[in-house]
Every structure is written in C-alpha cells, then in structure tokens.
Amino acid sequence: MSNHQDFTKKKFLTLDIKKQHKKLSEILRQIYEKILLKQYAEHLFKHYSQLCNWMQIDFLDSKDIKKISDRYHFHLKKAAVSLKEHNLLPTIRSIDGNNIEMPFLENAIYLDGLRSAFNVGNIIRTTEALRIGKIYFDEKTPYIDNEKVQKTSMGSYQLTKCENKFNLKDLPRPFIGLDTSEKSISIHDFIFPEKFTMILGNEEYGISDKMLKEIDYLIEIPMLGFKNSINVASAFAICSNEIRRQQKK
C-alpha cells in the first residue's frame, strides 16, 4: 500500500476529481481491512476525513463495515474505475498451462467436515484455477490421497498446496465462513482483505459448532429461488470468482 498521508492540501487538490475519489477509496479499503483484523485505524479515519474536508464533501463517521463498503463503492463509481482495475482483464485462452507461473494468493481454505470426495476435488480444481490459496483439511475430510479426490480435481491436487497436519491458530485471520445466516453479509457487499481464512462447512450441516466459535465474519451468496443454498463446491467457485474480481494481483 502507498502512504496516503504524504499529500499536502495543495498537491491533493491539483489531482483531477476522479483521482481524488480513487485516493479516498484506497484509504477506505485500508480502513476496512484494519477493522476486519481488529487493528488500529483511527489515523486512517482522520486522514480520510481531512481529504473529504479538502474536497468539501461529507465524510464517513462510522465504523460499520457495511457503511464503509457502500462508501468505498461510491468513491470507485465517482472515480470511474471498477474492482477489476485497469488493463487486468485476462486474454481468452483455449489450452491449459498458460498461467502456470501465476502465484497463489496467501489465503487459507479450511475444509470443515466435508464428506464428498467429489466436492473436495472440485474445490481443489477451483482453488488451482483461480489461485485462491492453500487448502487445509480437517480429519473428517477426504484428503488428496483419495482416488476420487484426485480424479475429480483433474490433476489440480498436484499443483495446489494442501495440508492435513497443522495448527488452527497458525491460519491467517480473519476467519470468514461461507454459510447462510441472519448475520451473513452478501459476498457482493463484503470487501475481502488481502489475507484471510475461508471456512467451508459440511454439505448437510454447514459449518461445525467448533468452527462457528472461531469465525469472525459470515458471508453468503444471495439466493433468488426457492432453495436458500447451493452445493458447497459451486458456492466456493462463485465466491472465489468474487475474491479474484476484487484482487489487484
């Protein structure tokens, strides 16, 4: 991240209005991530307010993450930029292997009691295809030595970092659970931090009580039909696409 506090009033106001709004969106993203990680953000709030004052617009006086998210998107709209950023749309490719050097994000994907080897294989395939992070398996989830997992992953298990022996406390915070709940935030409103752990729960029972106690935030995919949920591997694929859409890497 760049240091936003190196701006003088004169220098800031020489920027065109779109660039001013883009700078404000960058500060809000830092604030959002600090709040998710329960870190100090008062200095960023103060600087954000100062820039808003220079622009003679109302500043955000709230630490509610939904309001911060709304304001973040407001600034992006005023800046005429999308979350995909400039010139990062991928070239269409027709064969495998062209992006083999693309690094994985530093996220963790924790599989909490999944039963289906086919779901696990598809999750591995999505993780590798979008380079979402490293996968951690609990003791109840079929591991990559499972023949069905290997077959369904279409060889992706050989390219994806997977662990079944680890300490939960070593996984990156915040812990974000993908599940339906009255407290869940839409994946379209949630701004994913640069590093986190995503929790994927059992196909029938969802996230275990043990892991619910560990979770910092719950997110969900908005449903429009009669069913309020979809297959865990499909849900992960949709969510992974949103994560990548928001990333600048």
Protein backbone atom coordinates (compact mmCIF):
# COMPACT_ATOMS: atom_id res chain seq x y z
CA MET A 1 0.00 0.00 0.00
CA SER A 2 1.17 3.51 -0.69
CA ASN A 3 1.42 6.10 2.00
CA HIS A 4 -1.66 8.28 1.60
CA GLN A 5 -0.56 10.74 4.24
CA ASP A 6 2.18 12.27 2.09
CA PHE A 7 -0.36 14.60 0.44
CA THR A 8 -0.43 18.30 1.15
CA LYS A 9 -3.70 20.12 0.51
CA LYS A 10 -2.22 21.91 -2.48
CA LYS A 11 -0.88 18.70 -4.02
CA PHE A 12 -4.11 16.77 -3.42
CA LEU A 13 -6.31 19.46 -4.95
CA THR A 14 -4.17 19.55 -8.10
CA LEU A 15 -5.41 16.00 -8.86
CA ASP A 16 -8.48 15.70 -11.03
CA ILE A 17 -11.70 14.75 -9.25
CA LYS A 18 -11.55 11.11 -10.34
CA LYS A 19 -8.07 10.64 -8.90
CA GLN A 20 -9.16 12.30 -5.67
CA HIS A 21 -12.01 9.82 -5.29
CA LYS A 22 -9.68 6.93 -6.13
CA LYS A 23 -7.33 8.00 -3.31
CA LEU A 24 -10.28 8.09 -0.92
CA SER A 25 -11.34 4.60 -1.98
CA GLU A 26 -7.81 3.31 -1.32
CA ILE A 27 -7.84 4.75 2.19
CA LEU A 28 -11.27 3.23 2.89
CA ARG A 29 -10.05 -0.18 1.77
CA GLN A 30 -7.19 0.08 4.27
CA ILE A 31 -9.66 1.12 6.98
CA TYR A 32 -11.94 -1.78 6.12
CA GLU A 33 -9.11 -4.31 6.36
CA LYS A 34 -7.89 -2.84 9.66
CA ILE A 35 -11.38 -3.19 11.11
CA LEU A 36 -11.69 -6.80 9.90
CA LEU A 37 -8.42 -7.60 11.61
CA LYS A 38 -9.44 -5.59 14.70
CA GLN A 39 -6.45 -3.29 14.26
CA TYR A 40 -5.99 0.42 14.98
CA ALA A 41 -7.43 2.60 12.19
CA GLU A 42 -8.08 5.99 13.81
CA HIS A 43 -5.20 7.64 11.94
CA LEU A 44 -6.68 6.48 8.63
CA PHE A 45 -10.14 7.76 9.60
CA LYS A 46 -8.59 11.13 10.47
CA HIS A 47 -6.76 11.35 7.16
CA TYR A 48 -9.84 10.27 5.20
CA SER A 49 -11.87 12.98 6.93
CA GLN A 50 -9.22 15.56 6.15
CA LEU A 51 -9.26 14.74 2.44
CA CYS A 52 -13.07 14.84 2.39
CA ASN A 53 -12.91 18.26 4.02
CA TRP A 54 -10.48 19.47 1.34
CA MET A 55 -12.91 18.21 -1.31
CA GLN A 56 -15.83 19.82 0.56
CA ILE A 57 -17.80 16.58 0.74
CA ASP A 58 -19.32 14.80 3.72
CA PHE A 59 -17.01 12.32 5.40
CA LEU A 60 -17.94 8.92 6.79
CA ASP A 61 -18.33 8.99 10.57
CA SER A 62 -18.98 5.28 11.14
CA LYS A 63 -17.06 2.06 11.71
CA ASP A 64 -19.88 -0.11 10.40
CA ILE A 65 -18.34 -2.30 7.69
CA LYS A 66 -21.46 -2.20 5.51
CA LYS A 67 -21.44 1.60 5.51
CA ILE A 68 -17.72 1.64 4.80
CA SER A 69 -18.29 -0.80 1.93
CA ASP A 70 -21.06 1.39 0.49
CA ARG A 71 -18.86 4.47 0.71
CA TYR A 72 -15.94 2.56 -0.85
CA HIS A 73 -18.10 1.67 -3.87
CA PHE A 74 -19.37 5.26 -4.02
CA HIS A 75 -15.81 6.55 -4.43
CA LEU A 76 -14.99 3.89 -7.03
CA LYS A 77 -18.03 4.94 -9.04
CA LYS A 78 -17.02 8.60 -8.84
CA ALA A 79 -13.50 7.61 -9.88
CA ALA A 80 -14.93 5.70 -12.86
CA VAL A 81 -12.97 2.55 -12.01
CA SER A 82 -14.13 -0.98 -11.34
CA LEU A 83 -12.83 -3.55 -8.89
CA LYS A 84 -11.19 -5.29 -11.84
CA GLU A 85 -8.77 -2.34 -12.11
CA HIS A 86 -7.30 -1.04 -15.36
CA ASN A 87 -5.98 -3.37 -18.05
CA LEU A 88 -6.23 -6.53 -15.97
CA LEU A 89 -8.87 -8.34 -18.00
CA PRO A 90 -7.35 -11.70 -18.96
CA THR A 91 -6.73 -12.77 -22.52
CA ILE A 92 -9.00 -15.66 -23.53
CA ARG A 93 -7.04 -18.89 -23.54
CA SER A 94 -8.05 -22.19 -25.07
CA ILE A 95 -5.49 -24.56 -23.54
CA ASP A 96 -4.26 -25.44 -20.06
CA GLY A 97 -0.93 -24.37 -18.66
CA ASN A 98 -0.54 -20.77 -19.82
CA ASN A 99 -0.86 -19.32 -16.31
CA ILE A 100 1.29 -21.89 -14.51
CA GLU A 101 3.54 -19.12 -13.13
CA MET A 102 0.67 -17.09 -11.64
CA PRO A 103 1.26 -17.08 -7.85
CA PHE A 104 -1.39 -18.27 -5.41
CA LEU A 105 -2.91 -15.75 -3.04
CA GLU A 106 -1.84 -16.09 0.60
CA ASN A 107 -5.27 -17.19 1.81
CA ALA A 108 -6.23 -20.40 3.59
CA ILE A 109 -9.24 -22.52 2.67
CA TYR A 110 -10.30 -24.70 5.58
CA LEU A 111 -12.46 -27.75 4.78
CA ASP A 112 -14.60 -28.36 7.85
CA GLY A 113 -16.02 -31.88 7.81
CA LEU A 114 -16.76 -32.24 4.11
CA ARG A 115 -17.83 -35.78 3.21
CA SER A 116 -17.89 -35.84 -0.60
CA ALA A 117 -14.63 -36.58 -2.37
CA PHE A 118 -16.20 -35.11 -5.49
CA ASN A 119 -16.86 -31.79 -3.74
CA VAL A 120 -13.31 -31.78 -2.40
CA GLY A 121 -11.89 -32.46 -5.85
CA ASN A 122 -13.92 -29.63 -7.37
CA ILE A 123 -12.83 -27.24 -4.60
CA ILE A 124 -9.19 -28.12 -5.32
CA ARG A 125 -9.78 -27.55 -9.03
CA THR A 126 -11.32 -24.11 -8.40
CA THR A 127 -8.56 -23.20 -5.95
CA GLU A 128 -5.89 -24.01 -8.53
CA ALA A 129 -7.70 -22.42 -11.45
CA LEU A 130 -8.13 -19.09 -9.65
CA ARG A 131 -5.01 -19.46 -7.47
CA ILE A 132 -7.06 -18.63 -4.38
CA GLY A 133 -4.77 -20.01 -1.67
CA LYS A 134 -3.68 -23.09 0.29
CA ILE A 135 -6.16 -25.78 1.36
CA TYR A 136 -6.32 -27.21 4.90
CA PHE A 137 -8.21 -30.44 5.54
CA ASP A 138 -9.69 -31.45 8.88
CA GLU A 139 -9.61 -35.10 9.93
CA LYS A 140 -13.10 -35.88 8.53
CA THR A 141 -12.48 -34.55 5.02
CA PRO A 142 -11.14 -36.85 2.25
CA TYR A 143 -7.51 -35.91 1.59
CA ILE A 144 -5.56 -35.77 -1.68
CA ASP A 145 -4.51 -39.43 -1.34
CA ASN A 146 -8.16 -40.30 -2.06
CA GLU A 147 -8.56 -41.63 -5.62
CA LYS A 148 -11.90 -39.88 -6.17
CA VAL A 149 -10.43 -36.55 -5.00
CA GLN A 150 -7.54 -36.94 -7.42
CA LYS A 151 -9.78 -37.87 -10.33
CA THR A 152 -12.29 -35.06 -9.77
CA SER A 153 -9.56 -32.44 -9.33
CA MET A 154 -8.32 -33.29 -12.84
CA GLY A 155 -4.72 -33.26 -11.64
CA SER A 156 -5.07 -29.93 -9.82
CA TYR A 157 -4.17 -31.57 -6.50
CA GLN A 158 -0.60 -31.86 -7.77
CA LEU A 159 -0.40 -28.09 -8.32
CA THR A 160 -2.19 -26.95 -5.15
CA LYS A 161 -0.67 -26.78 -1.66
CA CYS A 162 -2.68 -28.98 0.69
CA GLU A 163 -2.20 -29.77 4.40
CA ASN A 164 -3.89 -32.15 6.82
CA LYS A 165 -1.48 -31.65 9.71
CA PHE A 166 -1.46 -28.12 11.06
CA ASN A 167 -2.38 -25.88 13.98
CA LEU A 168 -5.58 -23.91 13.56
CA LYS A 169 -4.12 -20.88 15.32
CA ASP A 170 -1.47 -20.57 12.60
CA LEU A 171 -4.05 -19.89 9.88
CA PRO A 172 -4.44 -16.22 8.85
CA ARG A 173 -7.14 -14.02 10.36
CA PRO A 174 -9.86 -13.05 9.90
CA PHE A 175 -11.77 -16.33 9.69
CA ILE A 176 -14.59 -15.94 7.16
CA GLY A 177 -17.34 -18.55 6.99
CA LEU A 178 -19.31 -19.15 3.80
CA ASP A 179 -22.78 -20.07 5.07
CA THR A 180 -26.37 -18.80 5.18
CA SER A 181 -27.33 -16.97 8.35
CA GLU A 182 -29.26 -13.92 9.52
CA LYS A 183 -25.86 -12.42 10.32
CA SER A 184 -24.31 -13.22 6.94
CA ILE A 185 -23.09 -10.44 4.63
CA SER A 186 -23.57 -10.71 0.88
CA ILE A 187 -20.35 -11.55 -0.96
CA HIS A 188 -21.12 -8.55 -3.18
CA ASP A 189 -21.09 -6.18 -0.18
CA PHE A 190 -18.13 -7.75 1.60
CA ILE A 191 -14.66 -6.42 0.80
CA PHE A 192 -12.20 -9.29 1.10
CA PRO A 193 -8.95 -8.43 2.89
CA GLU A 194 -5.60 -9.25 1.31
CA LYS A 195 -5.22 -12.33 3.53
CA PHE A 196 -7.78 -14.45 5.37
CA THR A 197 -9.04 -17.98 6.08
CA MET A 198 -12.26 -19.14 4.42
CA ILE A 199 -14.23 -21.84 6.20
CA LEU A 200 -16.29 -24.27 4.10
CA GLY A 201 -18.67 -26.47 6.07
CA ASN A 202 -20.32 -29.87 5.78
CA GLU A 203 -22.68 -30.42 2.83
CA GLU A 204 -25.66 -31.14 5.11
CA TYR A 205 -24.97 -29.47 8.45
CA GLY A 206 -22.88 -26.49 7.38
CA ILE A 207 -20.04 -25.12 9.48
CA SER A 208 -19.42 -27.04 12.70
CA ASP A 209 -20.13 -25.52 16.12
CA LYS A 210 -16.42 -25.70 16.86
CA MET A 211 -15.54 -23.53 13.87
CA LEU A 212 -18.51 -21.17 14.32
CA LYS A 213 -16.90 -20.12 17.58
CA GLU A 214 -13.73 -19.22 15.67
CA ILE A 215 -15.36 -17.28 12.84
CA ASP A 216 -15.03 -13.50 12.66
CA TYR A 217 -17.46 -12.92 9.78
CA LEU A 218 -20.12 -14.87 7.89
CA ILE A 219 -20.75 -14.27 4.20
CA GLU A 220 -23.32 -15.71 1.81
CA ILE A 221 -24.31 -15.77 -1.84
CA PRO A 222 -27.69 -14.05 -2.37
CA MET A 223 -30.31 -16.59 -3.48
CA LEU A 224 -33.36 -15.69 -5.60
CA GLY A 225 -35.10 -19.05 -5.87
CA PHE A 226 -36.95 -21.44 -3.56
CA LYS A 227 -33.74 -23.05 -2.28
CA ASN A 228 -31.64 -20.89 0.00
CA SER A 229 -28.35 -22.69 -0.63
CA ILE A 230 -26.34 -24.45 -3.32
CA ASN A 231 -23.67 -27.16 -3.44
CA VAL A 232 -20.61 -26.25 -1.37
CA ALA A 233 -18.20 -26.63 -4.30
CA SER A 234 -20.42 -24.45 -6.51
CA ALA A 235 -20.73 -21.85 -3.76
CA PHE A 236 -16.97 -21.80 -3.32
CA ALA A 237 -16.46 -21.30 -7.06
CA ILE A 238 -18.80 -18.30 -7.10
CA CYS A 239 -17.16 -16.83 -4.02
CA SER A 240 -13.67 -17.43 -5.41
CA ASN A 241 -14.56 -15.52 -8.53
CA GLU A 242 -15.68 -12.58 -6.39
CA ILE A 243 -12.41 -12.73 -4.42
CA ARG A 244 -10.37 -12.63 -7.62
CA ARG A 245 -12.56 -9.86 -9.01
CA GLN A 246 -11.63 -7.72 -6.03
CA GLN A 247 -7.93 -8.51 -6.07
CA LYS A 248 -5.40 -6.35 -7.82
CA LYS A 249 -2.89 -9.18 -8.27
